[in-house]
Amino acid sequence: HPAALTGKQLISLFAKEMNAPDKVSVLPGWLIKAIGLFVPIMKEMPEMMYQYDRDYVFNSTKFDRRFDFKTTTYPDGIKETVEKSIM
């Protein structure tokens, strides 16, 4: 299995596939709360912020072995996602 990717690395892979810049901006929590006053969906973001301040590492080794499954690589999955979403 490949090494875990950071969020920035995933964004870079998507940007490359989409021929777009991989510029990343992170909004501070106070600004997300302020935007939530005017944009309803953003109102829910502060309670979910804990999901963005720690690493998530997914490993499918056991699943792959148990079900004789071949995991899609990040580049292949991103390529297919972009192709399907643009068409």
C-alpha atoms as a PDB file:
ATOM      1  CA  HIS A   1       0.000   0.000   0.000  1.00  0.00           C
ATOM      2  CA  PRO A   2       1.204   3.512  -0.742  1.00  0.00           C
ATOM      3  CA  ALA A   3       2.183   5.891   2.002  1.00  0.00           C
ATOM      4  CA  ALA A   4      -0.556   8.109   3.397  1.00  0.00           C
ATOM      5  CA  LEU A   5      -0.971  11.432   1.619  1.00  0.00           C
ATOM      6  CA  THR A   6      -1.461  14.805   3.222  1.00  0.00           C
ATOM      7  CA  GLY A   7      -4.428  16.969   2.303  1.00  0.00           C
ATOM      8  CA  LYS A   8      -2.111  19.255   0.340  1.00  0.00           C
ATOM      9  CA  GLN A   9      -0.745  16.283  -1.619  1.00  0.00           C
ATOM     10  CA  LEU A  10      -4.282  15.171  -2.496  1.00  0.00           C
ATOM     11  CA  ILE A  11      -5.145  18.694  -3.631  1.00  0.00           C
ATOM     12  CA  SER A  12      -1.990  18.750  -5.754  1.00  0.00           C
ATOM     13  CA  LEU A  13      -2.952  15.455  -7.415  1.00  0.00           C
ATOM     14  CA  PHE A  14      -6.445  16.772  -8.208  1.00  0.00           C
ATOM     15  CA  ALA A  15      -5.059  20.098  -9.449  1.00  0.00           C
ATOM     16  CA  LYS A  16      -2.581  18.340 -11.720  1.00  0.00           C
ATOM     17  CA  GLU A  17      -5.319  16.123 -13.165  1.00  0.00           C
ATOM     18  CA  MET A  18      -7.518  19.179 -13.750  1.00  0.00           C
ATOM     19  CA  ASN A  19      -4.686  21.344 -15.137  1.00  0.00           C
ATOM     20  CA  ALA A  20      -5.331  23.846 -12.360  1.00  0.00           C
ATOM     21  CA  PRO A  21      -3.098  25.589  -9.813  1.00  0.00           C
ATOM     22  CA  ASP A  22      -2.750  23.815  -6.478  1.00  0.00           C
ATOM     23  CA  LYS A  23      -3.047  26.925  -4.353  1.00  0.00           C
ATOM     24  CA  VAL A  24      -4.472  26.202  -0.897  1.00  0.00           C
ATOM     25  CA  SER A  25      -5.978  28.703   1.533  1.00  0.00           C
ATOM     26  CA  VAL A  26      -7.023  27.875   5.073  1.00  0.00           C
ATOM     27  CA  LEU A  27      -9.648  30.011   6.759  1.00  0.00           C
ATOM     28  CA  PRO A  28      -9.241  30.683  10.477  1.00  0.00           C
ATOM     29  CA  GLY A  29     -11.992  29.376  12.739  1.00  0.00           C
ATOM     30  CA  TRP A  30     -13.287  32.841  13.641  1.00  0.00           C
ATOM     31  CA  LEU A  31     -13.827  33.637   9.954  1.00  0.00           C
ATOM     32  CA  ILE A  32     -15.685  30.382   9.365  1.00  0.00           C
ATOM     33  CA  LYS A  33     -17.995  31.287  12.270  1.00  0.00           C
ATOM     34  CA  ALA A  34     -18.540  34.766  10.822  1.00  0.00           C
ATOM     35  CA  ILE A  35     -19.334  33.382   7.366  1.00  0.00           C
ATOM     36  CA  GLY A  36     -21.788  30.998   9.050  1.00  0.00           C
ATOM     37  CA  LEU A  37     -23.913  33.996  10.011  1.00  0.00           C
ATOM     38  CA  PHE A  38     -24.633  34.581   6.317  1.00  0.00           C
ATOM     39  CA  VAL A  39     -24.118  31.178   4.669  1.00  0.00           C
ATOM     40  CA  PRO A  40     -26.269  28.502   6.339  1.00  0.00           C
ATOM     41  CA  ILE A  41     -24.157  25.489   5.374  1.00  0.00           C
ATOM     42  CA  MET A  42     -21.045  27.132   6.867  1.00  0.00           C
ATOM     43  CA  LYS A  43     -22.858  27.500  10.194  1.00  0.00           C
ATOM     44  CA  GLU A  44     -22.289  23.765  10.772  1.00  0.00           C
ATOM     45  CA  MET A  45     -18.550  23.863  10.069  1.00  0.00           C
ATOM     46  CA  PRO A  46     -17.200  24.946  13.488  1.00  0.00           C
ATOM     47  CA  GLU A  47     -18.513  21.799  15.192  1.00  0.00           C
ATOM     48  CA  MET A  48     -16.757  19.683  12.548  1.00  0.00           C
ATOM     49  CA  MET A  49     -13.384  21.458  12.785  1.00  0.00           C
ATOM     50  CA  TYR A  50     -11.915  18.707  14.970  1.00  0.00           C
ATOM     51  CA  GLN A  51     -11.845  16.549  11.834  1.00  0.00           C
ATOM     52  CA  TYR A  52      -9.358  18.889  10.202  1.00  0.00           C
ATOM     53  CA  ASP A  53      -6.787  19.280  12.964  1.00  0.00           C
ATOM     54  CA  ARG A  54      -5.521  15.686  13.004  1.00  0.00           C
ATOM     55  CA  ASP A  55      -4.384  13.109  10.505  1.00  0.00           C
ATOM     56  CA  TYR A  56      -6.696  10.476   9.095  1.00  0.00           C
ATOM     57  CA  VAL A  57      -4.871   7.398   7.871  1.00  0.00           C
ATOM     58  CA  PHE A  58      -6.820   4.732   6.019  1.00  0.00           C
ATOM     59  CA  ASN A  59      -5.391   1.291   5.368  1.00  0.00           C
ATOM     60  CA  SER A  60      -7.307  -1.312   3.406  1.00  0.00           C
ATOM     61  CA  THR A  61      -4.827  -4.191   3.770  1.00  0.00           C
ATOM     62  CA  LYS A  62      -7.132  -6.390   5.874  1.00  0.00           C
ATOM     63  CA  PHE A  63     -10.148  -5.705   3.669  1.00  0.00           C
ATOM     64  CA  ASP A  64      -8.151  -6.371   0.493  1.00  0.00           C
ATOM     65  CA  ARG A  65      -6.905  -9.680   1.851  1.00  0.00           C
ATOM     66  CA  ARG A  66     -10.245 -10.817   3.232  1.00  0.00           C
ATOM     67  CA  PHE A  67     -12.243 -10.053   0.102  1.00  0.00           C
ATOM     68  CA  ASP A  68      -9.548 -10.570  -2.548  1.00  0.00           C
ATOM     69  CA  PHE A  69      -9.955  -6.917  -3.478  1.00  0.00           C
ATOM     70  CA  LYS A  70      -7.538  -4.669  -5.374  1.00  0.00           C
ATOM     71  CA  THR A  71      -7.501  -1.123  -4.025  1.00  0.00           C
ATOM     72  CA  THR A  72      -7.516   1.714  -6.550  1.00  0.00           C
ATOM     73  CA  THR A  73      -4.416   3.925  -6.368  1.00  0.00           C
ATOM     74  CA  TYR A  74      -4.822   7.602  -5.527  1.00  0.00           C
ATOM     75  CA  PRO A  75      -3.743   8.771  -9.011  1.00  0.00           C
ATOM     76  CA  ASP A  76      -6.086   6.304 -10.756  1.00  0.00           C
ATOM     77  CA  GLY A  77      -9.017   7.151  -8.478  1.00  0.00           C
ATOM     78  CA  ILE A  78      -8.490  10.884  -8.890  1.00  0.00           C
ATOM     79  CA  LYS A  79      -8.180  10.554 -12.668  1.00  0.00           C
ATOM     80  CA  GLU A  80     -11.454   8.612 -12.857  1.00  0.00           C
ATOM     81  CA  THR A  81     -13.218  11.021 -10.480  1.00  0.00           C
ATOM     82  CA  VAL A  82     -12.190  14.037 -12.552  1.00  0.00           C
ATOM     83  CA  GLU A  83     -13.114  12.343 -15.835  1.00  0.00           C
ATOM     84  CA  LYS A  84     -16.578  11.372 -14.536  1.00  0.00           C
ATOM     85  CA  SER A  85     -17.293  14.770 -12.971  1.00  0.00           C
ATOM     86  CA  ILE A  86     -16.363  16.799 -16.041  1.00  0.00           C
ATOM     87  CA  MET A  87     -18.390  14.746 -18.504  1.00  0.00           C
END
